[in-house]
């Protein structure tokens, strides 16, 4: 969130909204094809999840052809299922709040990469409610706007004029 007094190139004072992937800043007032973008994001993430499941199926068939045994096959399926569940949960939580420990999130990056199907499904489901991450960005943006307005309203007027208006007597000549 940018709280500069003026964003470069925008000419508007105050905090500027942070753009979301695929949505830009259309999430602020739901303009600029916001509904179509949400529908496109839903269709795209679902299609990517379906394609990813087919790729995983082909990989599993490759393990069967290699005749590695049923134990390895079960381990691979469990690994992808558990990693997808964890990736879904972490992705879903990331839409509504910032991570408390960024170092831990960095450690989970590999696990979330393995469970990418869970992340895609979380993205797909979130688009039915809002643009993924909109709730988090909206709350941060509204907080920044409130802080900006509070600072701005407390600085209005000429400070020199306020000193004489508070009861100081004007100097006699």
Protein backbone atom coordinates (compact mmCIF):
# COMPACT_ATOMS: atom_id res chain seq x y z
CA UNK A 1 0.00 0.00 0.00
CA UNK A 2 1.47 3.30 -1.02
CA UNK A 3 0.84 6.11 1.43
CA UNK A 4 2.77 8.76 -0.45
CA UNK A 5 1.24 12.18 -0.56
CA UNK A 6 1.04 11.74 -4.30
CA UNK A 7 1.58 8.61 -6.32
CA UNK A 8 4.01 9.00 -9.21
CA UNK A 9 2.19 9.63 -12.44
CA UNK A 10 -1.31 9.47 -10.96
CA UNK A 11 -1.72 13.03 -9.78
CA UNK A 12 -4.05 11.94 -6.98
CA UNK A 13 -3.10 12.59 -3.37
CA UNK A 14 -3.37 9.93 -0.70
CA UNK A 15 -2.73 6.21 -0.52
CA UNK A 16 -2.94 4.24 -3.75
CA UNK A 17 -4.47 0.76 -3.94
CA UNK A 18 -2.16 -2.19 -4.48
CA UNK A 19 -2.94 -4.02 -7.74
CA UNK A 20 -4.05 -7.65 -7.68
CA UNK A 21 -2.83 -10.23 -10.20
CA UNK A 22 -5.22 -10.36 -13.19
CA UNK A 23 -7.37 -7.57 -11.72
CA UNK A 24 -5.10 -4.55 -11.39
CA UNK A 25 -6.90 -1.96 -9.28
CA UNK A 26 -10.37 -2.72 -10.67
CA UNK A 27 -11.19 -4.42 -7.35
CA UNK A 28 -11.53 -1.01 -5.68
CA UNK A 29 -14.73 0.02 -7.44
CA UNK A 30 -15.47 -3.16 -9.48
CA UNK A 31 -15.05 -1.33 -12.77
CA UNK A 32 -13.14 -2.09 -15.96
CA UNK A 33 -14.57 -5.55 -16.61
CA UNK A 34 -14.16 -6.76 -13.04
CA UNK A 35 -16.94 -9.36 -13.38
CA UNK A 36 -15.51 -10.71 -16.62
CA UNK A 37 -12.06 -10.89 -15.07
CA UNK A 38 -13.42 -12.87 -12.13
CA UNK A 39 -15.19 -15.26 -14.47
CA UNK A 40 -12.03 -15.60 -16.56
CA UNK A 41 -9.92 -16.24 -13.47
CA UNK A 42 -12.37 -18.92 -12.31
CA UNK A 43 -12.42 -20.69 -15.67
CA UNK A 44 -8.66 -20.38 -16.08
CA UNK A 45 -7.81 -21.73 -12.64
CA UNK A 46 -10.25 -24.63 -13.00
CA UNK A 47 -8.87 -25.49 -16.45
CA UNK A 48 -5.31 -25.36 -15.08
CA UNK A 49 -6.30 -27.65 -12.19
CA UNK A 50 -7.88 -30.16 -14.60
CA UNK A 51 -4.80 -30.14 -16.84
CA UNK A 52 -2.59 -30.56 -13.77
CA UNK A 53 -4.61 -33.60 -12.67
CA UNK A 54 -4.14 -35.15 -16.11
CA UNK A 55 -0.39 -34.53 -15.92
CA UNK A 56 -0.29 -36.17 -12.48
CA UNK A 57 -2.28 -39.10 -13.82
CA UNK A 58 0.22 -39.58 -16.64
CA UNK A 59 3.05 -39.45 -14.13
CA UNK A 60 1.33 -42.11 -12.03
CA UNK A 61 0.85 -44.27 -15.11
CA UNK A 62 4.57 -43.87 -15.78
CA UNK A 63 5.26 -45.25 -12.31
CA UNK A 64 2.97 -48.21 -13.04
CA UNK A 65 4.73 -48.88 -16.34
CA UNK A 66 8.09 -48.73 -14.56
CA UNK A 67 6.71 -51.36 -12.16
CA UNK A 68 8.08 -49.66 -9.05
CA UNK A 69 5.58 -51.43 -6.82
CA UNK A 70 2.34 -50.54 -5.13
CA UNK A 71 4.04 -49.12 -2.03
CA UNK A 72 5.77 -46.36 -4.03
CA UNK A 73 2.56 -45.65 -5.92
CA UNK A 74 0.63 -45.23 -2.67
CA UNK A 75 3.34 -42.96 -1.26
CA UNK A 76 3.26 -40.74 -4.35
CA UNK A 77 -0.53 -40.43 -4.23
CA UNK A 78 -0.46 -39.67 -0.48
CA UNK A 79 2.31 -37.11 -0.97
CA UNK A 80 0.36 -35.21 -3.63
CA UNK A 81 -2.88 -35.43 -1.65
CA UNK A 82 -1.34 -34.14 1.59
CA UNK A 83 0.66 -31.42 -0.16
CA UNK A 84 -2.42 -30.33 -2.10
CA UNK A 85 -4.47 -30.10 1.11
CA UNK A 86 -1.78 -28.03 2.83
CA UNK A 87 -1.35 -25.80 -0.24
CA UNK A 88 -5.12 -25.28 -0.41
CA UNK A 89 -5.29 -24.24 3.24
CA UNK A 90 -2.29 -21.93 3.08
CA UNK A 91 -3.47 -20.34 -0.16
CA UNK A 92 -6.98 -19.84 1.23
CA UNK A 93 -5.60 -18.23 4.41
CA UNK A 94 -3.34 -16.00 2.33
CA UNK A 95 -6.38 -14.42 0.68
CA UNK A 96 -7.64 -12.98 3.96
CA UNK A 97 -4.52 -12.17 6.01
CA UNK A 98 -0.81 -11.67 5.66
CA UNK A 99 1.40 -14.47 6.96
CA UNK A 100 2.53 -13.98 10.55
CA UNK A 101 5.93 -15.52 9.86
CA UNK A 102 7.27 -14.87 6.34
CA UNK A 103 10.24 -17.19 6.96
CA UNK A 104 7.89 -20.11 7.61
CA UNK A 105 5.96 -19.30 4.45
CA UNK A 106 9.23 -19.36 2.52
CA UNK A 107 9.94 -22.81 3.97
CA UNK A 108 6.54 -24.03 2.81
CA UNK A 109 7.07 -22.78 -0.75
CA UNK A 110 8.36 -26.18 -1.96
CA UNK A 111 5.45 -28.00 -0.36
CA UNK A 112 3.00 -25.58 -1.96
CA UNK A 113 4.71 -26.15 -5.31
CA UNK A 114 4.18 -29.90 -5.03
CA UNK A 115 0.55 -29.32 -4.01
CA UNK A 116 -0.13 -26.80 -6.78
CA UNK A 117 -3.48 -28.43 -7.56
CA UNK A 118 -4.73 -27.39 -4.11
CA UNK A 119 -3.65 -23.81 -4.73
CA UNK A 120 -5.43 -23.75 -8.09
CA UNK A 121 -8.63 -25.09 -6.54
CA UNK A 122 -8.45 -22.50 -3.74
CA UNK A 123 -8.05 -19.76 -6.36
CA UNK A 124 -11.01 -21.17 -8.32
CA UNK A 125 -13.29 -21.31 -5.28
CA UNK A 126 -12.30 -17.83 -4.05
CA UNK A 127 -13.30 -16.22 -7.35
CA UNK A 128 -16.94 -17.03 -6.58
CA UNK A 129 -16.82 -14.72 -3.56
CA UNK A 130 -14.39 -12.00 -4.67
CA UNK A 131 -11.17 -11.44 -6.51
CA UNK A 132 -8.61 -13.60 -4.68
CA UNK A 133 -6.96 -11.35 -2.12
CA UNK A 134 -9.52 -8.56 -2.45
CA UNK A 135 -10.66 -8.75 1.18
CA UNK A 136 -7.10 -8.37 2.47
CA UNK A 137 -6.21 -5.55 0.10
CA UNK A 138 -9.52 -3.75 0.70
CA UNK A 139 -9.08 -3.76 4.49
CA UNK A 140 -5.49 -2.51 4.18
CA UNK A 141 -6.53 0.16 1.68
CA UNK A 142 -9.44 1.38 3.82
CA UNK A 143 -7.17 1.52 6.88
CA UNK A 144 -4.60 3.52 4.93
CA UNK A 145 -7.32 5.90 3.67
CA UNK A 146 -8.63 6.43 7.21
CA UNK A 147 -5.11 7.15 8.51
CA UNK A 148 -4.48 9.53 5.62
CA UNK A 149 -7.74 11.41 6.19
CA UNK A 150 -7.03 11.65 9.93
CA UNK A 151 -3.56 13.06 9.31
CA UNK A 152 -4.84 15.41 6.66
CA UNK A 153 -7.71 16.77 8.76
CA UNK A 154 -5.44 17.43 11.73
CA UNK A 155 -3.12 19.55 9.58
CA UNK A 156 -5.64 21.91 8.04
CA UNK A 157 -5.30 25.61 8.48
CA UNK A 158 -2.42 27.93 9.24
CA UNK A 159 -0.59 26.88 12.43
CA UNK A 160 0.47 30.48 13.08
CA UNK A 161 -3.15 31.60 13.06
CA UNK A 162 -4.11 28.92 15.59
CA UNK A 163 -1.58 30.20 18.13
CA UNK A 164 -3.18 33.65 18.26
CA UNK A 165 -6.69 32.22 18.28
CA UNK A 166 -6.04 30.15 21.43
CA UNK A 167 -6.09 33.09 23.73
CA UNK A 168 -2.81 34.86 23.16
CA UNK A 169 -3.18 38.53 23.27
CA UNK A 170 -2.02 40.45 20.25
CA UNK A 171 1.01 42.63 20.91
CA UNK A 172 0.30 46.28 21.68
CA UNK A 173 1.89 49.01 19.71
